[in-house]
Amino acid sequence: MFRTLTEFGIMTNKTTGISDLPPPKERELLRLTPKAQPASHYTSNDLFKGQSEILIEHQGAEYRLRITRSGGLILNK
């Protein structure tokens, strides 16, 4: 799905049909830029399931995400 010009704040004059378009190279980049999908949403309860620490594997490395005594989150490699 491609982004529309109005998503970038480029408005077309309804009377003349002329729009304030960026230069051709920028237009091509806008055309090729896929529309971002909304980020997934998880609660800490969904992730931790009653535990105080979980392991996350990312690009072959293991990360430890834990809940602190004060309720914060700490991520360590």
Foldseek 3Di string as FASTA:
>chain_A
DADDVVVVVWDADPVPRDIPDDDPVVVVVRRPDDDDDDDDDDDVCRVQVPHQWDWDADPNDIWIWGADPVGDIDIDD
